[in-house]
Amino acid sequence: MNTSSMVEWNACEEQAGIFKSGDFGGVWRVLDGVVRMDRESGPLRLPVQLALPGDLVGVEALCDMPYQFSASAFTPCRLERVVVRDEAHRQALLRQALLQQQSRSQDMVNLRTGSVAQRMGHLLGLLGLPWQGLKQESVGASDAVRNALPSLLELSEMVDAKRETVCRALAQLLPPRTRRGAASPQLRIAA
């Protein structure tokens, strides 16, 4: 990453809006966290893509066009604005965006096909959560993974499944919370 392209950065809390479709703006690079890109249709929003650390968002700005999708923080994230220095730099960013698009499209296919447990496993991997290999005795690690997850509604929208099905899939993937005398806390459910 070329530090001369950094102008500013934005800290975004989970579910905070970054930009809206139809707006004009600049190109952003995700530094930390995951950004959710959505196609908005009235009150509904349909997840189109997740942007991971290192990815560019708002690439339409490279073609002097408005944003096609709305962007929001899927997890707490930080972004930097990318300043296009010259035509060669713009072309390099367009190449990066093209290759990134191919990879992220494959990620969305994996989040939308297969069993819900497979989809959730892929999503946990994209979020960088160390869920594989957690044993029954690693309740603390399992709790840390659960606490790092977006809301159950956000998860279910991303993998195109009902909340109850996502809960069951998470129960298959993560050791249950089994502290004596403690009630099992639920995942955050957002309306």
C-alpha atoms as a PDB file:
ATOM      1  CA  MET A   1       0.000   0.000   0.000  1.00  0.00           C
ATOM      2  CA  ASN A   2       1.341   3.388  -0.944  1.00  0.00           C
ATOM      3  CA  THR A   3       1.124   5.659   2.091  1.00  0.00           C
ATOM      4  CA  SER A   4       1.129   8.757  -0.102  1.00  0.00           C
ATOM      5  CA  SER A   5      -2.430   7.805  -1.131  1.00  0.00           C
ATOM      6  CA  MET A   6      -3.685   8.174   2.450  1.00  0.00           C
ATOM      7  CA  VAL A   7      -5.604  11.374   3.048  1.00  0.00           C
ATOM      8  CA  GLU A   8      -7.905  10.477   5.908  1.00  0.00           C
ATOM      9  CA  TRP A   9      -9.415   7.501   7.616  1.00  0.00           C
ATOM     10  CA  ASN A  10     -12.824   6.783   8.934  1.00  0.00           C
ATOM     11  CA  ALA A  11     -13.660   4.692  11.997  1.00  0.00           C
ATOM     12  CA  CYS A  12     -16.998   2.976  11.545  1.00  0.00           C
ATOM     13  CA  GLU A  13     -19.048   1.254  14.194  1.00  0.00           C
ATOM     14  CA  GLU A  14     -20.889  -1.921  13.213  1.00  0.00           C
ATOM     15  CA  GLN A  15     -23.858  -1.176  10.906  1.00  0.00           C
ATOM     16  CA  ALA A  16     -22.789   2.470  10.456  1.00  0.00           C
ATOM     17  CA  GLY A  17     -23.359   3.826   6.972  1.00  0.00           C
ATOM     18  CA  ILE A  18     -20.271   4.697   4.919  1.00  0.00           C
ATOM     19  CA  PHE A  19     -21.887   5.915   1.688  1.00  0.00           C
ATOM     20  CA  LYS A  20     -25.209   5.571  -0.147  1.00  0.00           C
ATOM     21  CA  SER A  21     -25.912   4.387  -3.662  1.00  0.00           C
ATOM     22  CA  GLY A  22     -26.413   7.287  -6.036  1.00  0.00           C
ATOM     23  CA  ASP A  23     -24.004   9.551  -4.165  1.00  0.00           C
ATOM     24  CA  PHE A  24     -20.758  10.756  -5.695  1.00  0.00           C
ATOM     25  CA  GLY A  25     -17.576  10.405  -3.700  1.00  0.00           C
ATOM     26  CA  GLY A  26     -14.110   9.007  -3.625  1.00  0.00           C
ATOM     27  CA  VAL A  27     -12.491   5.601  -3.526  1.00  0.00           C
ATOM     28  CA  TRP A  28     -11.833   4.034  -0.120  1.00  0.00           C
ATOM     29  CA  ARG A  29      -9.541   1.238   1.017  1.00  0.00           C
ATOM     30  CA  VAL A  30     -10.615  -0.995   3.899  1.00  0.00           C
ATOM     31  CA  LEU A  31      -7.845  -1.035   6.522  1.00  0.00           C
ATOM     32  CA  ASP A  32      -9.544  -3.096   9.233  1.00  0.00           C
ATOM     33  CA  GLY A  33     -12.867  -4.868   9.562  1.00  0.00           C
ATOM     34  CA  VAL A  34     -15.431  -5.822   6.936  1.00  0.00           C
ATOM     35  CA  VAL A  35     -17.635  -3.539   4.834  1.00  0.00           C
ATOM     36  CA  ARG A  36     -21.012  -4.697   3.555  1.00  0.00           C
ATOM     37  CA  MET A  37     -22.077  -3.569   0.065  1.00  0.00           C
ATOM     38  CA  ASP A  38     -25.859  -3.576  -0.546  1.00  0.00           C
ATOM     39  CA  ARG A  39     -28.256  -3.008  -3.389  1.00  0.00           C
ATOM     40  CA  GLU A  40     -31.129  -1.041  -1.926  1.00  0.00           C
ATOM     41  CA  SER A  41     -34.644  -1.515  -3.203  1.00  0.00           C
ATOM     42  CA  GLY A  42     -37.039   0.619  -1.213  1.00  0.00           C
ATOM     43  CA  PRO A  43     -36.968  -0.524   2.416  1.00  0.00           C
ATOM     44  CA  LEU A  44     -35.125  -3.724   1.481  1.00  0.00           C
ATOM     45  CA  ARG A  45     -31.399  -4.125   1.148  1.00  0.00           C
ATOM     46  CA  LEU A  46     -29.783  -7.078  -0.552  1.00  0.00           C
ATOM     47  CA  PRO A  47     -26.184  -7.950   0.260  1.00  0.00           C
ATOM     48  CA  VAL A  48     -24.084  -7.898  -2.878  1.00  0.00           C
ATOM     49  CA  GLN A  49     -20.536  -8.112  -1.585  1.00  0.00           C
ATOM     50  CA  LEU A  50     -18.262  -7.999   1.436  1.00  0.00           C
ATOM     51  CA  ALA A  51     -15.084  -5.915   1.286  1.00  0.00           C
ATOM     52  CA  LEU A  52     -12.173  -7.180   3.381  1.00  0.00           C
ATOM     53  CA  PRO A  53      -8.994  -5.464   4.598  1.00  0.00           C
ATOM     54  CA  GLY A  54      -7.002  -4.240   1.595  1.00  0.00           C
ATOM     55  CA  ASP A  55     -10.071  -4.083  -0.673  1.00  0.00           C
ATOM     56  CA  LEU A  56     -11.243  -0.965  -2.477  1.00  0.00           C
ATOM     57  CA  VAL A  57     -14.820   0.296  -2.141  1.00  0.00           C
ATOM     58  CA  GLY A  58     -16.475   3.013  -4.172  1.00  0.00           C
ATOM     59  CA  VAL A  59     -14.489   2.087  -7.281  1.00  0.00           C
ATOM     60  CA  GLU A  60     -17.163   3.696  -9.475  1.00  0.00           C
ATOM     61  CA  ALA A  61     -15.476   6.985  -8.580  1.00  0.00           C
ATOM     62  CA  LEU A  62     -12.555   5.883 -10.764  1.00  0.00           C
ATOM     63  CA  CYS A  63     -14.943   6.225 -13.719  1.00  0.00           C
ATOM     64  CA  ASP A  64     -16.522   9.494 -12.498  1.00  0.00           C
ATOM     65  CA  MET A  65     -19.775   7.673 -11.723  1.00  0.00           C
ATOM     66  CA  PRO A  66     -21.997   7.643  -8.618  1.00  0.00           C
ATOM     67  CA  TYR A  67     -21.800   4.747  -6.190  1.00  0.00           C
ATOM     68  CA  GLN A  68     -23.802   1.778  -7.451  1.00  0.00           C
ATOM     69  CA  PHE A  69     -24.252   0.195  -4.007  1.00  0.00           C
ATOM     70  CA  SER A  70     -24.574   1.465  -0.455  1.00  0.00           C
ATOM     71  CA  ALA A  71     -21.757   0.603   1.951  1.00  0.00           C
ATOM     72  CA  SER A  72     -22.010   0.030   5.690  1.00  0.00           C
ATOM     73  CA  ALA A  73     -19.818  -1.481   8.377  1.00  0.00           C
ATOM     74  CA  PHE A  74     -20.574  -5.204   8.694  1.00  0.00           C
ATOM     75  CA  THR A  75     -18.077  -5.259  11.563  1.00  0.00           C
ATOM     76  CA  PRO A  76     -16.331  -2.303  13.192  1.00  0.00           C
ATOM     77  CA  CYS A  77     -13.933  -1.047  10.532  1.00  0.00           C
ATOM     78  CA  ARG A  78     -11.452   1.615   9.454  1.00  0.00           C
ATOM     79  CA  LEU A  79     -11.102   2.984   5.940  1.00  0.00           C
ATOM     80  CA  GLU A  80      -8.714   5.359   4.213  1.00  0.00           C
ATOM     81  CA  ARG A  81      -9.527   7.607   1.310  1.00  0.00           C
ATOM     82  CA  VAL A  82      -7.444   6.865  -1.772  1.00  0.00           C
ATOM     83  CA  VAL A  83      -6.278   9.867  -3.780  1.00  0.00           C
ATOM     84  CA  VAL A  84      -5.746   9.121  -7.453  1.00  0.00           C
ATOM     85  CA  ARG A  85      -2.409  10.752  -8.276  1.00  0.00           C
ATOM     86  CA  ASP A  86      -2.419  10.352 -12.055  1.00  0.00           C
ATOM     87  CA  GLU A  87      -3.750   8.246 -14.936  1.00  0.00           C
ATOM     88  CA  ALA A  88      -1.258   5.414 -14.347  1.00  0.00           C
ATOM     89  CA  HIS A  89      -2.353   5.210 -10.702  1.00  0.00           C
ATOM     90  CA  ARG A  90      -6.026   5.199 -11.759  1.00  0.00           C
ATOM     91  CA  GLN A  91      -5.338   2.337 -14.172  1.00  0.00           C
ATOM     92  CA  ALA A  92      -3.548   0.370 -11.424  1.00  0.00           C
ATOM     93  CA  LEU A  93      -6.503   0.884  -9.081  1.00  0.00           C
ATOM     94  CA  LEU A  94      -8.918  -0.271 -11.799  1.00  0.00           C
ATOM     95  CA  ARG A  95      -6.850  -3.453 -12.286  1.00  0.00           C
ATOM     96  CA  GLN A  96      -6.891  -4.069  -8.537  1.00  0.00           C
ATOM     97  CA  ALA A  97     -10.670  -3.524  -8.444  1.00  0.00           C
ATOM     98  CA  LEU A  98     -11.203  -5.983 -11.312  1.00  0.00           C
ATOM     99  CA  LEU A  99      -9.209  -8.750  -9.640  1.00  0.00           C
ATOM    100  CA  GLN A 100     -10.818  -7.996  -6.287  1.00  0.00           C
ATOM    101  CA  GLN A 101     -14.279  -8.266  -7.861  1.00  0.00           C
ATOM    102  CA  GLN A 102     -13.576 -11.784  -9.097  1.00  0.00           C
ATOM    103  CA  SER A 103     -12.467 -12.938  -5.658  1.00  0.00           C
ATOM    104  CA  ARG A 104     -15.315 -11.289  -3.755  1.00  0.00           C
ATOM    105  CA  SER A 105     -17.879 -12.641  -6.245  1.00  0.00           C
ATOM    106  CA  GLN A 106     -16.654 -16.146  -5.441  1.00  0.00           C
ATOM    107  CA  ASP A 107     -17.011 -15.360  -1.744  1.00  0.00           C
ATOM    108  CA  MET A 108     -20.653 -14.357  -2.273  1.00  0.00           C
ATOM    109  CA  VAL A 109     -21.305 -17.595  -4.162  1.00  0.00           C
ATOM    110  CA  ASN A 110     -19.910 -19.487  -1.161  1.00  0.00           C
ATOM    111  CA  LEU A 111     -22.108 -17.449   1.199  1.00  0.00           C
ATOM    112  CA  ARG A 112     -25.232 -18.239  -0.824  1.00  0.00           C
ATOM    113  CA  THR A 113     -24.815 -21.924  -1.788  1.00  0.00           C
ATOM    114  CA  GLY A 114     -24.336 -25.143   0.135  1.00  0.00           C
ATOM    115  CA  SER A 115     -25.645 -25.957   3.588  1.00  0.00           C
ATOM    116  CA  VAL A 116     -26.150 -23.107   6.031  1.00  0.00           C
ATOM    117  CA  ALA A 117     -23.387 -24.580   8.206  1.00  0.00           C
ATOM    118  CA  GLN A 118     -21.012 -24.440   5.205  1.00  0.00           C
ATOM    119  CA  ARG A 119     -22.071 -20.862   4.448  1.00  0.00           C
ATOM    120  CA  MET A 120     -21.570 -19.826   8.074  1.00  0.00           C
ATOM    121  CA  GLY A 121     -18.166 -21.550   8.156  1.00  0.00           C
ATOM    122  CA  HIS A 122     -17.125 -19.544   5.109  1.00  0.00           C
ATOM    123  CA  LEU A 123     -18.438 -16.318   6.670  1.00  0.00           C
ATOM    124  CA  LEU A 124     -16.557 -16.972   9.924  1.00  0.00           C
ATOM    125  CA  GLY A 125     -13.413 -17.474   7.831  1.00  0.00           C
ATOM    126  CA  LEU A 126     -13.971 -14.197   5.938  1.00  0.00           C
ATOM    127  CA  LEU A 127     -14.423 -12.404   9.253  1.00  0.00           C
ATOM    128  CA  GLY A 128     -11.069 -13.822  10.367  1.00  0.00           C
ATOM    129  CA  LEU A 129     -12.586 -15.558  13.391  1.00  0.00           C
ATOM    130  CA  PRO A 130     -10.637 -18.566  14.723  1.00  0.00           C
ATOM    131  CA  TRP A 131     -13.584 -20.959  14.919  1.00  0.00           C
ATOM    132  CA  GLN A 132     -12.074 -24.156  13.524  1.00  0.00           C
ATOM    133  CA  GLY A 133     -10.648 -26.560  16.041  1.00  0.00           C
ATOM    134  CA  LEU A 134     -12.456 -25.077  19.036  1.00  0.00           C
ATOM    135  CA  LYS A 135     -13.050 -27.851  21.545  1.00  0.00           C
ATOM    136  CA  GLN A 136     -15.766 -28.296  24.130  1.00  0.00           C
ATOM    137  CA  GLU A 137     -13.358 -27.150  26.835  1.00  0.00           C
ATOM    138  CA  SER A 138     -12.517 -23.888  25.028  1.00  0.00           C
ATOM    139  CA  VAL A 139     -15.685 -22.100  26.099  1.00  0.00           C
ATOM    140  CA  GLY A 140     -13.850 -18.775  26.450  1.00  0.00           C
ATOM    141  CA  ALA A 141     -12.570 -18.917  22.869  1.00  0.00           C
ATOM    142  CA  SER A 142     -16.017 -19.908  21.626  1.00  0.00           C
ATOM    143  CA  ASP A 143     -17.565 -16.997  23.530  1.00  0.00           C
ATOM    144  CA  ALA A 144     -15.007 -14.613  21.992  1.00  0.00           C
ATOM    145  CA  VAL A 145     -15.973 -15.774  18.489  1.00  0.00           C
ATOM    146  CA  ARG A 146     -19.690 -15.411  19.280  1.00  0.00           C
ATOM    147  CA  ASN A 147     -19.175 -11.917  20.737  1.00  0.00           C
ATOM    148  CA  ALA A 148     -17.261 -10.792  17.624  1.00  0.00           C
ATOM    149  CA  LEU A 149     -20.130 -11.719  15.316  1.00  0.00           C
ATOM    150  CA  PRO A 150     -22.508  -9.176  13.818  1.00  0.00           C
ATOM    151  CA  SER A 151     -26.171  -9.445  14.866  1.00  0.00           C
ATOM    152  CA  LEU A 152     -28.131 -12.575  14.068  1.00  0.00           C
ATOM    153  CA  LEU A 153     -30.213 -10.570  11.590  1.00  0.00           C
ATOM    154  CA  GLU A 154     -27.068  -9.394   9.776  1.00  0.00           C
ATOM    155  CA  LEU A 155     -25.711 -12.948   9.662  1.00  0.00           C
ATOM    156  CA  SER A 156     -28.971 -14.385   8.363  1.00  0.00           C
ATOM    157  CA  GLU A 157     -29.214 -11.716   5.643  1.00  0.00           C
ATOM    158  CA  MET A 158     -25.648 -12.395   4.553  1.00  0.00           C
ATOM    159  CA  VAL A 159     -26.080 -16.169   4.174  1.00  0.00           C
ATOM    160  CA  ASP A 160     -29.716 -15.947   3.002  1.00  0.00           C
ATOM    161  CA  ALA A 161     -31.158 -18.129   5.756  1.00  0.00           C
ATOM    162  CA  LYS A 162     -33.629 -17.782   8.603  1.00  0.00           C
ATOM    163  CA  ARG A 163     -32.289 -16.647  11.952  1.00  0.00           C
ATOM    164  CA  GLU A 164     -33.248 -19.933  13.594  1.00  0.00           C
ATOM    165  CA  THR A 165     -31.321 -21.879  10.945  1.00  0.00           C
ATOM    166  CA  VAL A 166     -28.275 -19.648  11.435  1.00  0.00           C
ATOM    167  CA  CYS A 167     -28.490 -20.266  15.199  1.00  0.00           C
ATOM    168  CA  ARG A 168     -28.526 -24.029  14.630  1.00  0.00           C
ATOM    169  CA  ALA A 169     -25.595 -23.793  12.208  1.00  0.00           C
ATOM    170  CA  LEU A 170     -23.573 -21.782  14.732  1.00  0.00           C
ATOM    171  CA  ALA A 171     -24.387 -24.380  17.387  1.00  0.00           C
ATOM    172  CA  GLN A 172     -22.918 -27.027  15.054  1.00  0.00           C
ATOM    173  CA  LEU A 173     -19.776 -24.991  14.357  1.00  0.00           C
ATOM    174  CA  LEU A 174     -19.009 -23.566  17.792  1.00  0.00           C
ATOM    175  CA  PRO A 175     -18.844 -25.405  21.121  1.00  0.00           C
ATOM    176  CA  PRO A 176     -21.883 -24.577  23.246  1.00  0.00           C
ATOM    177  CA  ARG A 177     -21.670 -22.203  26.160  1.00  0.00           C
ATOM    178  CA  THR A 178     -21.630 -24.547  29.114  1.00  0.00           C
ATOM    179  CA  ARG A 179     -20.713 -22.488  32.148  1.00  0.00           C
ATOM    180  CA  ARG A 180     -22.269 -23.911  35.292  1.00  0.00           C
ATOM    181  CA  GLY A 181     -25.095 -21.890  36.688  1.00  0.00           C
ATOM    182  CA  ALA A 182     -24.935 -19.335  33.898  1.00  0.00           C
ATOM    183  CA  ALA A 183     -27.766 -18.841  31.506  1.00  0.00           C
ATOM    184  CA  SER A 184     -26.713 -19.232  27.897  1.00  0.00           C
ATOM    185  CA  PRO A 185     -26.544 -15.716  26.450  1.00  0.00           C
ATOM    186  CA  GLN A 186     -28.190 -15.299  23.075  1.00  0.00           C
ATOM    187  CA  LEU A 187     -26.712 -13.765  19.965  1.00  0.00           C
ATOM    188  CA  ARG A 188     -27.745 -10.154  19.491  1.00  0.00           C
ATOM    189  CA  ILE A 189     -30.959  -9.980  17.532  1.00  0.00           C
ATOM    190  CA  ALA A 190     -31.511  -6.728  15.667  1.00  0.00           C
ATOM    191  CA  ALA A 191     -34.842  -5.895  14.086  1.00  0.00           C
END
